Amino acid sequence: MRTTIRLDDPLLREAKREAARSGMTLTAIIEESLRERLARTASAAERRTRVRLPTFRGQGVAPGVDLDDSAALLDLMDKTS
């Protein structure tokens, strides 16, 4: 398939140098790089495992506690210890 892409000039020069050095076409360099990137992304997604966190029964969050405010949580823990 033919397509048009825009590349940063220094990146294109470097890719052309690499193509010449390795005896590959610029297209082959771009295809190889894209395949490697996609394979790396796919393999990272496969390595992710679902984590189950233990939960406990209780009364829930105390009134006035904001779990998104870490500074307030630290202050509250300091007061209770």
PDB file of N, CA and C in Angstrom:
ATOM      1  N   MET A   1       0.846  -1.170   0.000  1.00  0.00           N
ATOM      2  CA  MET A   1       0.000   0.000   0.000  1.00  0.00           C
ATOM      3  C   MET A   1       0.891   1.232   0.000  1.00  0.00           C
ATOM      4  N   ARG A   2       0.504   2.190  -0.734  1.00  0.00           N
ATOM      5  CA  ARG A   2       1.244   3.446  -0.797  1.00  0.00           C
ATOM      6  C   ARG A   2       0.561   4.440   0.130  1.00  0.00           C
ATOM      7  N   THR A   3       1.401   5.155   0.900  1.00  0.00           N
ATOM      8  CA  THR A   3       0.858   6.176   1.791  1.00  0.00           C
ATOM      9  C   THR A   3       1.870   7.297   1.930  1.00  0.00           C
ATOM     10  N   THR A   4       1.445   8.397   2.454  1.00  0.00           N
ATOM     11  CA  THR A   4       2.329   9.534   2.682  1.00  0.00           C
ATOM     12  C   THR A   4       2.433   9.768   4.176  1.00  0.00           C
ATOM     13  N   ILE A   5       3.665   9.917   4.655  1.00  0.00           N
ATOM     14  CA  ILE A   5       3.868  10.240   6.066  1.00  0.00           C
ATOM     15  C   ILE A   5       4.789  11.449   6.148  1.00  0.00           C
ATOM     16  N   ARG A   6       4.670  12.170   7.226  1.00  0.00           N
ATOM     17  CA  ARG A   6       5.543  13.316   7.459  1.00  0.00           C
ATOM     18  C   ARG A   6       6.480  12.953   8.595  1.00  0.00           C
ATOM     19  N   LEU A   7       7.778  13.115   8.339  1.00  0.00           N
ATOM     20  CA  LEU A   7       8.789  12.824   9.342  1.00  0.00           C
ATOM     21  C   LEU A   7       9.622  14.065   9.612  1.00  0.00           C
ATOM     22  N   ASP A   8      10.085  14.165  10.826  1.00  0.00           N
ATOM     23  CA  ASP A   8      11.010  15.219  11.202  1.00  0.00           C
ATOM     24  C   ASP A   8      12.262  15.093  10.321  1.00  0.00           C
ATOM     25  N   ASP A   9      12.777  16.203   9.800  1.00  0.00           N
ATOM     26  CA  ASP A   9      13.924  16.160   8.881  1.00  0.00           C
ATOM     27  C   ASP A   9      15.133  15.411   9.445  1.00  0.00           C
ATOM     28  N   PRO A  10      15.570  15.697  10.691  1.00  0.00           N
ATOM     29  CA  PRO A  10      16.713  14.943  11.227  1.00  0.00           C
ATOM     30  C   PRO A  10      16.431  13.433  11.348  1.00  0.00           C
ATOM     31  N   LEU A  11      15.199  13.087  11.697  1.00  0.00           N
ATOM     32  CA  LEU A  11      14.836  11.670  11.802  1.00  0.00           C
ATOM     33  C   LEU A  11      14.901  11.004  10.431  1.00  0.00           C
ATOM     34  N   LEU A  12      14.402  11.676   9.411  1.00  0.00           N
ATOM     35  CA  LEU A  12      14.442  11.133   8.057  1.00  0.00           C
ATOM     36  C   LEU A  12      15.883  10.955   7.589  1.00  0.00           C
ATOM     37  N   ARG A  13      16.742  11.932   7.845  1.00  0.00           N
ATOM     38  CA  ARG A  13      18.158  11.807   7.455  1.00  0.00           C
ATOM     39  C   ARG A  13      18.805  10.609   8.142  1.00  0.00           C
ATOM     40  N   GLU A  14      18.508  10.452   9.431  1.00  0.00           N
ATOM     41  CA  GLU A  14      19.073   9.319  10.177  1.00  0.00           C
ATOM     42  C   GLU A  14      18.558   7.989   9.632  1.00  0.00           C
ATOM     43  N   ALA A  15      17.280   7.944   9.301  1.00  0.00           N
ATOM     44  CA  ALA A  15      16.698   6.712   8.757  1.00  0.00           C
ATOM     45  C   ALA A  15      17.313   6.385   7.398  1.00  0.00           C
ATOM     46  N   LYS A  16      17.541   7.397   6.561  1.00  0.00           N
ATOM     47  CA  LYS A  16      18.170   7.175   5.260  1.00  0.00           C
ATOM     48  C   LYS A  16      19.601   6.682   5.420  1.00  0.00           C
ATOM     49  N   ARG A  17      20.332   7.251   6.392  1.00  0.00           N
ATOM     50  CA  ARG A  17      21.704   6.787   6.656  1.00  0.00           C
ATOM     51  C   ARG A  17      21.696   5.325   7.086  1.00  0.00           C
ATOM     52  N   GLU A  18      20.763   4.975   7.977  1.00  0.00           N
ATOM     53  CA  GLU A  18      20.671   3.595   8.452  1.00  0.00           C
ATOM     54  C   GLU A  18      20.304   2.649   7.312  1.00  0.00           C
ATOM     55  N   ALA A  19      19.413   3.078   6.447  1.00  0.00           N
ATOM     56  CA  ALA A  19      19.032   2.256   5.293  1.00  0.00           C
ATOM     57  C   ALA A  19      20.243   2.009   4.400  1.00  0.00           C
ATOM     58  N   ALA A  20      21.009   3.059   4.111  1.00  0.00           N
ATOM     59  CA  ALA A  20      22.196   2.910   3.269  1.00  0.00           C
ATOM     60  C   ALA A  20      23.236   2.027   3.947  1.00  0.00           C
ATOM     61  N   ARG A  21      23.443   2.235   5.244  1.00  0.00           N
ATOM     62  CA  ARG A  21      24.443   1.456   5.983  1.00  0.00           C
ATOM     63  C   ARG A  21      24.103  -0.030   5.989  1.00  0.00           C
ATOM     64  N   SER A  22      22.816  -0.336   6.149  1.00  0.00           N
ATOM     65  CA  SER A  22      22.403  -1.729   6.282  1.00  0.00           C
ATOM     66  C   SER A  22      22.027  -2.380   4.951  1.00  0.00           C
ATOM     67  N   GLY A  23      22.020  -1.586   3.866  1.00  0.00           N
ATOM     68  CA  GLY A  23      21.658  -2.133   2.567  1.00  0.00           C
ATOM     69  C   GLY A  23      20.165  -2.389   2.421  1.00  0.00           C
ATOM     70  N   MET A  24      19.376  -1.697   3.206  1.00  0.00           N
ATOM     71  CA  MET A  24      17.920  -1.847   3.151  1.00  0.00           C
ATOM     72  C   MET A  24      17.318  -0.611   2.505  1.00  0.00           C
ATOM     73  N   THR A  25      16.070  -0.720   2.091  1.00  0.00           N
ATOM     74  CA  THR A  25      15.364   0.457   1.587  1.00  0.00           C
ATOM     75  C   THR A  25      14.826   1.257   2.776  1.00  0.00           C
ATOM     76  N   LEU A  26      14.532   2.514   2.524  1.00  0.00           N
ATOM     77  CA  LEU A  26      13.928   3.340   3.564  1.00  0.00           C
ATOM     78  C   LEU A  26      12.596   2.741   3.990  1.00  0.00           C
ATOM     79  N   THR A  27      11.824   2.252   3.032  1.00  0.00           N
ATOM     80  CA  THR A  27      10.545   1.611   3.346  1.00  0.00           C
ATOM     81  C   THR A  27      10.741   0.434   4.286  1.00  0.00           C
ATOM     82  N   ALA A  28      11.755  -0.390   4.024  1.00  0.00           N
ATOM     83  CA  ALA A  28      12.017  -1.559   4.869  1.00  0.00           C
ATOM     84  C   ALA A  28      12.398  -1.136   6.288  1.00  0.00           C
ATOM     85  N   ILE A  29      13.187  -0.082   6.396  1.00  0.00           N
ATOM     86  CA  ILE A  29      13.568   0.436   7.725  1.00  0.00           C
ATOM     87  C   ILE A  29      12.331   0.893   8.484  1.00  0.00           C
ATOM     88  N   ILE A  30      11.468   1.649   7.825  1.00  0.00           N
ATOM     89  CA  ILE A  30      10.257   2.149   8.481  1.00  0.00           C
ATOM     90  C   ILE A  30       9.338   0.996   8.863  1.00  0.00           C
ATOM     91  N   GLU A  31       9.149   0.029   7.957  1.00  0.00           N
ATOM     92  CA  GLU A  31       8.299  -1.132   8.259  1.00  0.00           C
ATOM     93  C   GLU A  31       8.849  -1.920   9.446  1.00  0.00           C
ATOM     94  N   GLU A  32      10.158  -2.176   9.438  1.00  0.00           N
ATOM     95  CA  GLU A  32      10.773  -2.936  10.528  1.00  0.00           C
ATOM     96  C   GLU A  32      10.598  -2.211  11.860  1.00  0.00           C
ATOM     97  N   SER A  33      10.820  -0.912  11.850  1.00  0.00           N
ATOM     98  CA  SER A  33      10.690  -0.124  13.078  1.00  0.00           C
ATOM     99  C   SER A  33       9.261  -0.148  13.596  1.00  0.00           C
ATOM    100  N   LEU A  34       8.305  -0.010  12.706  1.00  0.00           N
ATOM    101  CA  LEU A  34       6.899  -0.023  13.092  1.00  0.00           C
ATOM    102  C   LEU A  34       6.496  -1.392  13.632  1.00  0.00           C
ATOM    103  N   ARG A  35       6.956  -2.458  12.977  1.00  0.00           N
ATOM    104  CA  ARG A  35       6.653  -3.815  13.457  1.00  0.00           C
ATOM    105  C   ARG A  35       7.221  -4.047  14.862  1.00  0.00           C
ATOM    106  N   GLU A  36       8.483  -3.607  15.067  1.00  0.00           N
ATOM    107  CA  GLU A  36       9.102  -3.767  16.388  1.00  0.00           C
ATOM    108  C   GLU A  36       8.310  -3.017  17.452  1.00  0.00           C
ATOM    109  N   ARG A  37       7.889  -1.811  17.148  1.00  0.00           N
ATOM    110  CA  ARG A  37       7.122  -1.000  18.101  1.00  0.00           C
ATOM    111  C   ARG A  37       5.796  -1.681  18.431  1.00  0.00           C
ATOM    112  N   LEU A  38       5.097  -2.152  17.399  1.00  0.00           N
ATOM    113  CA  LEU A  38       3.799  -2.801  17.621  1.00  0.00           C
ATOM    114  C   LEU A  38       3.951  -4.102  18.395  1.00  0.00           C
ATOM    115  N   ALA A  39       5.010  -4.851  18.126  1.00  0.00           N
ATOM    116  CA  ALA A  39       5.248  -6.100  18.846  1.00  0.00           C
ATOM    117  C   ALA A  39       5.558  -5.817  20.315  1.00  0.00           C
ATOM    118  N   ARG A  40       6.332  -4.774  20.569  1.00  0.00           N
ATOM    119  CA  ARG A  40       6.681  -4.401  21.946  1.00  0.00           C
ATOM    120  C   ARG A  40       5.430  -3.987  22.712  1.00  0.00           C
ATOM    121  N   THR A  41       4.567  -3.220  22.079  1.00  0.00           N
ATOM    122  CA  THR A  41       3.327  -2.783  22.716  1.00  0.00           C
ATOM    123  C   THR A  41       2.428  -3.977  23.015  1.00  0.00           C
ATOM    124  N   ALA A  42       2.304  -4.894  22.062  1.00  0.00           N
ATOM    125  CA  ALA A  42       1.469  -6.081  22.253  1.00  0.00           C
ATOM    126  C   ALA A  42       2.027  -6.957  23.366  1.00  0.00           C
ATOM    127  N   SER A  43       3.346  -7.118  23.402  1.00  0.00           N
ATOM    128  CA  SER A  43       3.936  -7.979  24.423  1.00  0.00           C
ATOM    129  C   SER A  43       3.800  -7.356  25.812  1.00  0.00           C
ATOM    130  N   ALA A  44       3.864  -6.028  25.917  1.00  0.00           N
ATOM    131  CA  ALA A  44       3.673  -5.364  27.215  1.00  0.00           C
ATOM    132  C   ALA A  44       2.249  -5.583  27.703  1.00  0.00           C
ATOM    133  N   ALA A  45       1.285  -5.520  26.793  1.00  0.00           N
ATOM    134  CA  ALA A  45      -0.116  -5.727  27.166  1.00  0.00           C
ATOM    135  C   ALA A  45      -0.338  -7.164  27.617  1.00  0.00           C
ATOM    136  N   GLU A  46       0.338  -8.119  27.005  1.00  0.00           N
ATOM    137  CA  GLU A  46       0.192  -9.526  27.386  1.00  0.00           C
ATOM    138  C   GLU A  46       0.786  -9.805  28.761  1.00  0.00           C
ATOM    139  N   ARG A  47       1.825  -9.046  29.154  1.00  0.00           N
ATOM    140  CA  ARG A  47       2.478  -9.271  30.448  1.00  0.00           C
ATOM    141  C   ARG A  47       1.660  -8.761  31.617  1.00  0.00           C
ATOM    142  N   ARG A  48       0.720  -7.870  31.350  1.00  0.00           N
ATOM    143  CA  ARG A  48      -0.099  -7.324  32.436  1.00  0.00           C
ATOM    144  C   ARG A  48      -0.992  -8.415  32.990  1.00  0.00           C
ATOM    145  N   THR A  49      -1.011  -8.497  34.294  1.00  0.00           N
ATOM    146  CA  THR A  49      -1.892  -9.471  34.930  1.00  0.00           C
ATOM    147  C   THR A  49      -2.860  -8.729  35.837  1.00  0.00           C
ATOM    148  N   ARG A  50      -4.004  -9.284  35.971  1.00  0.00           N
ATOM    149  CA  ARG A  50      -5.018  -8.678  36.830  1.00  0.00           C
ATOM    150  C   ARG A  50      -4.641  -8.920  38.286  1.00  0.00           C
ATOM    151  N   VAL A  51      -4.698  -7.901  39.078  1.00  0.00           N
ATOM    152  CA  VAL A  51      -4.356  -7.988  40.495  1.00  0.00           C
ATOM    153  C   VAL A  51      -5.638  -7.922  41.305  1.00  0.00           C
ATOM    154  N   ARG A  52      -5.804  -8.871  42.198  1.00  0.00           N
ATOM    155  CA  ARG A  52      -6.970  -8.848  43.085  1.00  0.00           C
ATOM    156  C   ARG A  52      -6.515  -8.334  44.446  1.00  0.00           C
ATOM    157  N   LEU A  53      -7.121  -7.285  44.878  1.00  0.00           N
ATOM    158  CA  LEU A  53      -6.804  -6.722  46.180  1.00  0.00           C
ATOM    159  C   LEU A  53      -7.792  -7.254  47.200  1.00  0.00           C
ATOM    160  N   PRO A  54      -7.284  -7.617  48.390  1.00  0.00           N
ATOM    161  CA  PRO A  54      -8.204  -8.112  49.409  1.00  0.00           C
ATOM    162  C   PRO A  54      -9.108  -6.986  49.906  1.00  0.00           C
ATOM    163  N   THR A  55     -10.319  -7.331  50.203  1.00  0.00           N
ATOM    164  CA  THR A  55     -11.254  -6.359  50.774  1.00  0.00           C
ATOM    165  C   THR A  55     -11.754  -6.896  52.107  1.00  0.00           C
ATOM    166  N   PHE A  56     -12.139  -6.010  52.971  1.00  0.00           N
ATOM    167  CA  PHE A  56     -12.585  -6.386  54.309  1.00  0.00           C
ATOM    168  C   PHE A  56     -13.901  -5.694  54.604  1.00  0.00           C
ATOM    169  N   ARG A  57     -14.692  -6.348  55.384  1.00  0.00           N
ATOM    170  CA  ARG A  57     -15.949  -5.710  55.784  1.00  0.00           C
ATOM    171  C   ARG A  57     -15.669  -4.600  56.772  1.00  0.00           C
ATOM    172  N   GLY A  58     -16.487  -3.630  56.754  1.00  0.00           N
ATOM    173  CA  GLY A  58     -16.293  -2.514  57.672  1.00  0.00           C
ATOM    174  C   GLY A  58     -17.388  -1.493  57.485  1.00  0.00           C
ATOM    175  N   GLN A  59     -17.160  -0.336  58.023  1.00  0.00           N
ATOM    176  CA  GLN A  59     -18.140   0.737  57.956  1.00  0.00           C
ATOM    177  C   GLN A  59     -17.898   1.670  56.785  1.00  0.00           C
ATOM    178  N   GLY A  60     -16.893   1.381  55.964  1.00  0.00           N
ATOM    179  CA  GLY A  60     -16.589   2.265  54.844  1.00  0.00           C
ATOM    180  C   GLY A  60     -15.674   3.396  55.278  1.00  0.00           C
ATOM    181  N   VAL A  61     -15.569   4.384  54.462  1.00  0.00           N
ATOM    182  CA  VAL A  61     -14.707   5.526  54.732  1.00  0.00           C
ATOM    183  C   VAL A  61     -15.369   6.411  55.776  1.00  0.00           C
ATOM    184  N   ALA A  62     -14.559   6.859  56.729  1.00  0.00           N
ATOM    185  CA  ALA A  62     -15.070   7.738  57.784  1.00  0.00           C
ATOM    186  C   ALA A  62     -15.555   9.050  57.176  1.00  0.00           C
ATOM    187  N   PRO A  63     -16.571   9.647  57.771  1.00  0.00           N
ATOM    188  CA  PRO A  63     -17.089  10.924  57.261  1.00  0.00           C
ATOM    189  C   PRO A  63     -15.987  11.979  57.206  1.00  0.00           C
ATOM    190  N   GLY A  64     -15.960  12.718  56.117  1.00  0.00           N
ATOM    191  CA  GLY A  64     -14.977  13.795  55.971  1.00  0.00           C
ATOM    192  C   GLY A  64     -13.637  13.343  55.424  1.00  0.00           C
ATOM    193  N   VAL A  65     -13.445  12.039  55.220  1.00  0.00           N
ATOM    194  CA  VAL A  65     -12.164  11.548  54.689  1.00  0.00           C
ATOM    195  C   VAL A  65     -12.236  11.555  53.164  1.00  0.00           C
ATOM    196  N   ASP A  66     -11.245  12.209  52.565  1.00  0.00           N
ATOM    197  CA  ASP A  66     -11.163  12.265  51.097  1.00  0.00           C
ATOM    198  C   ASP A  66      -9.987  11.405  50.663  1.00  0.00           C
ATOM    199  N   LEU A  67     -10.256  10.261  50.057  1.00  0.00           N
ATOM    200  CA  LEU A  67      -9.203   9.339  49.662  1.00  0.00           C
ATOM    201  C   LEU A  67      -8.322   9.899  48.548  1.00  0.00           C
ATOM    202  N   ASP A  68      -8.749  10.952  47.897  1.00  0.00           N
ATOM    203  CA  ASP A  68      -7.952  11.584  46.859  1.00  0.00           C
ATOM    204  C   ASP A  68      -7.010  12.655  47.402  1.00  0.00           C
ATOM    205  N   ASP A  69      -7.095  12.945  48.693  1.00  0.00           N
ATOM    206  CA  ASP A  69      -6.255  13.972  49.319  1.00  0.00           C
ATOM    207  C   ASP A  69      -5.225  13.286  50.201  1.00  0.00           C
ATOM    208  N   SER A  70      -4.061  12.956  49.622  1.00  0.00           N
ATOM    209  CA  SER A  70      -3.052  12.189  50.361  1.00  0.00           C
ATOM    210  C   SER A  70      -2.500  12.959  51.561  1.00  0.00           C
ATOM    211  N   ALA A  71      -2.375  14.272  51.445  1.00  0.00           N
ATOM    212  CA  ALA A  71      -1.856  15.056  52.574  1.00  0.00           C
ATOM    213  C   ALA A  71      -2.811  14.974  53.759  1.00  0.00           C
ATOM    214  N   ALA A  72      -4.117  15.078  53.502  1.00  0.00           N
ATOM    215  CA  ALA A  72      -5.101  14.984  54.575  1.00  0.00           C
ATOM    216  C   ALA A  72      -5.102  13.584  55.184  1.00  0.00           C
ATOM    217  N   LEU A  73      -4.918  12.559  54.366  1.00  0.00           N
ATOM    218  CA  LEU A  73      -4.860  11.190  54.889  1.00  0.00           C
ATOM    219  C   LEU A  73      -3.654  11.014  55.802  1.00  0.00           C
ATOM    220  N   LEU A  74      -2.507  11.571  55.397  1.00  0.00           N
ATOM    221  CA  LEU A  74      -1.313  11.480  56.239  1.00  0.00           C
ATOM    222  C   LEU A  74      -1.524  12.206  57.562  1.00  0.00           C
ATOM    223  N   ASP A  75      -2.137  13.380  57.514  1.00  0.00           N
ATOM    224  CA  ASP A  75      -2.436  14.114  58.740  1.00  0.00           C
ATOM    225  C   ASP A  75      -3.343  13.298  59.652  1.00  0.00           C
ATOM    226  N   LEU A  76      -4.371  12.689  59.082  1.00  0.00           N
ATOM    227  CA  LEU A  76      -5.302  11.882  59.851  1.00  0.00           C
ATOM    228  C   LEU A  76      -4.590  10.687  60.480  1.00  0.00           C
ATOM    229  N   MET A  77      -3.718  10.030  59.740  1.00  0.00           N
ATOM    230  CA  MET A  77      -2.982   8.880  60.291  1.00  0.00           C
ATOM    231  C   MET A  77      -2.037   9.303  61.396  1.00  0.00           C
ATOM    232  N   ASP A  78      -1.420  10.493  61.258  1.00  0.00           N
ATOM    233  CA  ASP A  78      -0.524  10.985  62.307  1.00  0.00           C
ATOM    234  C   ASP A  78      -1.306  11.250  63.591  1.00  0.00           C
ATOM    235  N   LYS A  79      -2.532  11.769  63.470  1.00  0.00           N
ATOM    236  CA  LYS A  79      -3.359  12.091  64.643  1.00  0.00           C
ATOM    237  C   LYS A  79      -3.811  10.829  65.368  1.00  0.00           C
ATOM    238  N   THR A  80      -4.019   9.743  64.631  1.00  0.00           N
ATOM    239  CA  THR A  80      -4.548   8.510  65.236  1.00  0.00           C
ATOM    240  C   THR A  80      -3.451   7.596  65.758  1.00  0.00           C
ATOM    241  N   SER A  81      -2.198   7.879  65.441  1.00  0.00           N
ATOM    242  CA  SER A  81      -1.137   6.966  65.904  1.00  0.00           C
ATOM    243  C   SER A  81      -0.443   7.472  67.128  1.00  0.00           C
TER     244      SER A  81
END
